Amino acid sequence: MIVGIGVDVVDLARFTRAVGRTPRLVDRLFTPAERDLPVHSLAARFAAKEALMKALGDTEGVRWHDMEIVSDAEGNPEFVLSGVAARIAAGRGIGSLHLSMTHDAGVACAFVVAERGA
């Protein structure tokens, strides 16, 4: 059963300018494993984290590092949750998160579906 959905869009030029003006932004938003990716991939991951927060519903106390995007065995993106984000997901009975990300034509977009159960 779907218990939450979230979508977010990021303007690539604006995101690139923000990272250029504030280099520490990358450290604040992304885990060490995510930081060395190209800026368009970082923008998609930022959109994914925003979309996840929408899908979770309650995000009080969630930190950016509580949400990491990794690749599964087939190369598909998936979340690894920790901290408050993991507790919220467990508390809502979320057993599966589905993530789709893209970047094209100057935008990055992500869509998240949260399902109850395993």
C-alpha atoms as a PDB file:
ATOM      1  CA  MET A   1       0.000   0.000   0.000  1.00  0.00           C
ATOM      2  CA  ILE A   2       1.328   3.426  -0.964  1.00  0.00           C
ATOM      3  CA  VAL A   3       1.603   5.697   2.077  1.00  0.00           C
ATOM      4  CA  GLY A   4       3.363   8.663   0.508  1.00  0.00           C
ATOM      5  CA  ILE A   5       4.584  10.176  -2.718  1.00  0.00           C
ATOM      6  CA  GLY A   6       6.894  13.078  -3.393  1.00  0.00           C
ATOM      7  CA  VAL A   7       8.264  14.911  -6.400  1.00  0.00           C
ATOM      8  CA  ASP A   8      10.764  17.741  -6.725  1.00  0.00           C
ATOM      9  CA  VAL A   9      12.376  19.689  -9.565  1.00  0.00           C
ATOM     10  CA  VAL A  10      15.689  21.578  -9.395  1.00  0.00           C
ATOM     11  CA  ASP A  11      16.890  24.202 -11.860  1.00  0.00           C
ATOM     12  CA  LEU A  12      20.410  23.058 -12.810  1.00  0.00           C
ATOM     13  CA  ALA A  13      21.788  26.546 -13.481  1.00  0.00           C
ATOM     14  CA  ARG A  14      20.501  27.862 -10.161  1.00  0.00           C
ATOM     15  CA  PHE A  15      21.840  24.829  -8.285  1.00  0.00           C
ATOM     16  CA  THR A  16      25.246  25.192  -9.982  1.00  0.00           C
ATOM     17  CA  ARG A  17      25.396  28.889  -9.005  1.00  0.00           C
ATOM     18  CA  ALA A  18      24.469  28.066  -5.400  1.00  0.00           C
ATOM     19  CA  VAL A  19      27.209  25.439  -5.154  1.00  0.00           C
ATOM     20  CA  GLY A  20      29.719  27.849  -6.738  1.00  0.00           C
ATOM     21  CA  ARG A  21      28.835  30.649  -4.299  1.00  0.00           C
ATOM     22  CA  THR A  22      28.726  28.377  -1.255  1.00  0.00           C
ATOM     23  CA  PRO A  23      31.124  25.431  -1.674  1.00  0.00           C
ATOM     24  CA  ARG A  24      30.294  24.135   1.829  1.00  0.00           C
ATOM     25  CA  LEU A  25      26.744  23.548   0.615  1.00  0.00           C
ATOM     26  CA  VAL A  26      27.867  20.264  -0.935  1.00  0.00           C
ATOM     27  CA  ASP A  27      29.204  19.104   2.460  1.00  0.00           C
ATOM     28  CA  ARG A  28      25.940  20.087   4.182  1.00  0.00           C
ATOM     29  CA  LEU A  29      23.629  18.398   1.685  1.00  0.00           C
ATOM     30  CA  PHE A  30      25.505  15.252   0.703  1.00  0.00           C
ATOM     31  CA  THR A  31      27.276  12.349   2.366  1.00  0.00           C
ATOM     32  CA  PRO A  32      30.974  11.788   1.596  1.00  0.00           C
ATOM     33  CA  ALA A  33      30.082   9.026  -0.873  1.00  0.00           C
ATOM     34  CA  GLU A  34      27.831  11.405  -2.863  1.00  0.00           C
ATOM     35  CA  ARG A  35      30.041  14.521  -2.938  1.00  0.00           C
ATOM     36  CA  ASP A  36      32.344  13.717  -5.867  1.00  0.00           C
ATOM     37  CA  LEU A  37      29.541  13.283  -8.391  1.00  0.00           C
ATOM     38  CA  PRO A  38      28.987  15.752 -11.253  1.00  0.00           C
ATOM     39  CA  VAL A  39      26.834  18.761 -10.391  1.00  0.00           C
ATOM     40  CA  HIS A  40      23.859  17.520 -12.454  1.00  0.00           C
ATOM     41  CA  SER A  41      23.890  14.271 -10.437  1.00  0.00           C
ATOM     42  CA  LEU A  42      24.085  16.235  -7.184  1.00  0.00           C
ATOM     43  CA  ALA A  43      21.098  18.318  -8.282  1.00  0.00           C
ATOM     44  CA  ALA A  44      19.108  15.146  -8.992  1.00  0.00           C
ATOM     45  CA  ARG A  45      20.065  13.770  -5.570  1.00  0.00           C
ATOM     46  CA  PHE A  46      19.006  17.025  -3.917  1.00  0.00           C
ATOM     47  CA  ALA A  47      15.653  16.744  -5.707  1.00  0.00           C
ATOM     48  CA  ALA A  48      15.411  13.123  -4.529  1.00  0.00           C
ATOM     49  CA  LYS A  49      16.010  14.086  -0.899  1.00  0.00           C
ATOM     50  CA  GLU A  50      13.377  16.836  -1.141  1.00  0.00           C
ATOM     51  CA  ALA A  51      10.937  14.380  -2.757  1.00  0.00           C
ATOM     52  CA  LEU A  52      11.625  11.833  -0.017  1.00  0.00           C
ATOM     53  CA  MET A  53      10.796  14.369   2.685  1.00  0.00           C
ATOM     54  CA  LYS A  54       7.470  15.007   0.965  1.00  0.00           C
ATOM     55  CA  ALA A  55       6.782  11.264   0.769  1.00  0.00           C
ATOM     56  CA  LEU A  56       7.639  10.794   4.467  1.00  0.00           C
ATOM     57  CA  GLY A  57       5.250  13.545   5.519  1.00  0.00           C
ATOM     58  CA  ASP A  58       6.773  14.335   8.909  1.00  0.00           C
ATOM     59  CA  THR A  59      10.361  15.543   8.538  1.00  0.00           C
ATOM     60  CA  GLU A  60      10.997  17.353  11.804  1.00  0.00           C
ATOM     61  CA  GLY A  61      14.605  16.742  12.794  1.00  0.00           C
ATOM     62  CA  VAL A  62      15.608  15.027   9.544  1.00  0.00           C
ATOM     63  CA  ARG A  63      19.135  15.905   8.421  1.00  0.00           C
ATOM     64  CA  TRP A  64      20.390  15.817   4.842  1.00  0.00           C
ATOM     65  CA  HIS A  65      22.927  13.135   5.775  1.00  0.00           C
ATOM     66  CA  ASP A  66      20.081  10.912   7.078  1.00  0.00           C
ATOM     67  CA  MET A  67      19.231  10.289   3.399  1.00  0.00           C
ATOM     68  CA  GLU A  68      21.870   8.832   1.106  1.00  0.00           C
ATOM     69  CA  ILE A  69      21.323   7.759  -2.481  1.00  0.00           C
ATOM     70  CA  VAL A  70      23.304   4.726  -3.574  1.00  0.00           C
ATOM     71  CA  SER A  71      23.128   2.370  -6.548  1.00  0.00           C
ATOM     72  CA  ASP A  72      21.740  -1.139  -6.162  1.00  0.00           C
ATOM     73  CA  ALA A  73      23.316  -4.201  -7.806  1.00  0.00           C
ATOM     74  CA  GLU A  74      21.720  -3.285 -11.158  1.00  0.00           C
ATOM     75  CA  GLY A  75      22.815   0.360 -10.975  1.00  0.00           C
ATOM     76  CA  ASN A  76      19.395   1.730 -10.019  1.00  0.00           C
ATOM     77  CA  PRO A  77      19.218   4.488  -7.393  1.00  0.00           C
ATOM     78  CA  GLU A  78      17.929   3.663  -3.937  1.00  0.00           C
ATOM     79  CA  PHE A  79      17.867   5.306  -0.516  1.00  0.00           C
ATOM     80  CA  VAL A  80      19.842   4.329   2.535  1.00  0.00           C
ATOM     81  CA  LEU A  81      18.171   5.966   5.523  1.00  0.00           C
ATOM     82  CA  SER A  82      19.660   6.610   8.940  1.00  0.00           C
ATOM     83  CA  GLY A  83      18.922   8.753  11.974  1.00  0.00           C
ATOM     84  CA  VAL A  84      15.593  10.562  12.151  1.00  0.00           C
ATOM     85  CA  ALA A  85      14.641   9.735   8.553  1.00  0.00           C
ATOM     86  CA  ALA A  86      14.957   6.007   9.303  1.00  0.00           C
ATOM     87  CA  ARG A  87      12.903   6.385  12.499  1.00  0.00           C
ATOM     88  CA  ILE A  88      10.125   8.257  10.689  1.00  0.00           C
ATOM     89  CA  ALA A  89      10.014   5.643   7.920  1.00  0.00           C
ATOM     90  CA  ALA A  90       9.890   2.809  10.454  1.00  0.00           C
ATOM     91  CA  GLY A  91       7.241   4.612  12.495  1.00  0.00           C
ATOM     92  CA  ARG A  92       5.025   4.961   9.425  1.00  0.00           C
ATOM     93  CA  GLY A  93       5.573   1.306   8.538  1.00  0.00           C
ATOM     94  CA  ILE A  94       7.416   2.166   5.328  1.00  0.00           C
ATOM     95  CA  GLY A  95       9.184  -0.941   4.088  1.00  0.00           C
ATOM     96  CA  SER A  96       9.951   0.086   0.490  1.00  0.00           C
ATOM     97  CA  LEU A  97      11.004   3.317  -1.154  1.00  0.00           C
ATOM     98  CA  HIS A  98      10.965   3.634  -4.924  1.00  0.00           C
ATOM     99  CA  LEU A  99      13.091   6.370  -6.498  1.00  0.00           C
ATOM    100  CA  SER A 100      13.346   7.716 -10.018  1.00  0.00           C
ATOM    101  CA  MET A 101      15.704  10.578 -10.955  1.00  0.00           C
ATOM    102  CA  THR A 102      16.430  12.370 -14.208  1.00  0.00           C
ATOM    103  CA  HIS A 103      18.199  15.457 -15.510  1.00  0.00           C
ATOM    104  CA  ASP A 104      17.680  17.048 -18.913  1.00  0.00           C
ATOM    105  CA  ALA A 105      16.951  20.422 -20.524  1.00  0.00           C
ATOM    106  CA  GLY A 106      18.295  22.397 -17.578  1.00  0.00           C
ATOM    107  CA  VAL A 107      16.352  20.640 -14.822  1.00  0.00           C
ATOM    108  CA  ALA A 108      16.792  17.719 -12.462  1.00  0.00           C
ATOM    109  CA  CYS A 109      13.716  15.872 -11.245  1.00  0.00           C
ATOM    110  CA  ALA A 110      13.051  13.111  -8.748  1.00  0.00           C
ATOM    111  CA  PHE A 111       9.971  11.091  -7.826  1.00  0.00           C
ATOM    112  CA  VAL A 112       9.609   8.955  -4.695  1.00  0.00           C
ATOM    113  CA  VAL A 113       6.934   6.428  -3.732  1.00  0.00           C
ATOM    114  CA  ALA A 114       6.811   5.148  -0.151  1.00  0.00           C
ATOM    115  CA  GLU A 115       5.120   1.782   0.436  1.00  0.00           C
ATOM    116  CA  ARG A 116       4.006   0.190   3.685  1.00  0.00           C
ATOM    117  CA  GLY A 117       5.437  -3.258   4.380  1.00  0.00           C
ATOM    118  CA  ALA A 118       8.419  -5.036   2.881  1.00  0.00           C
END
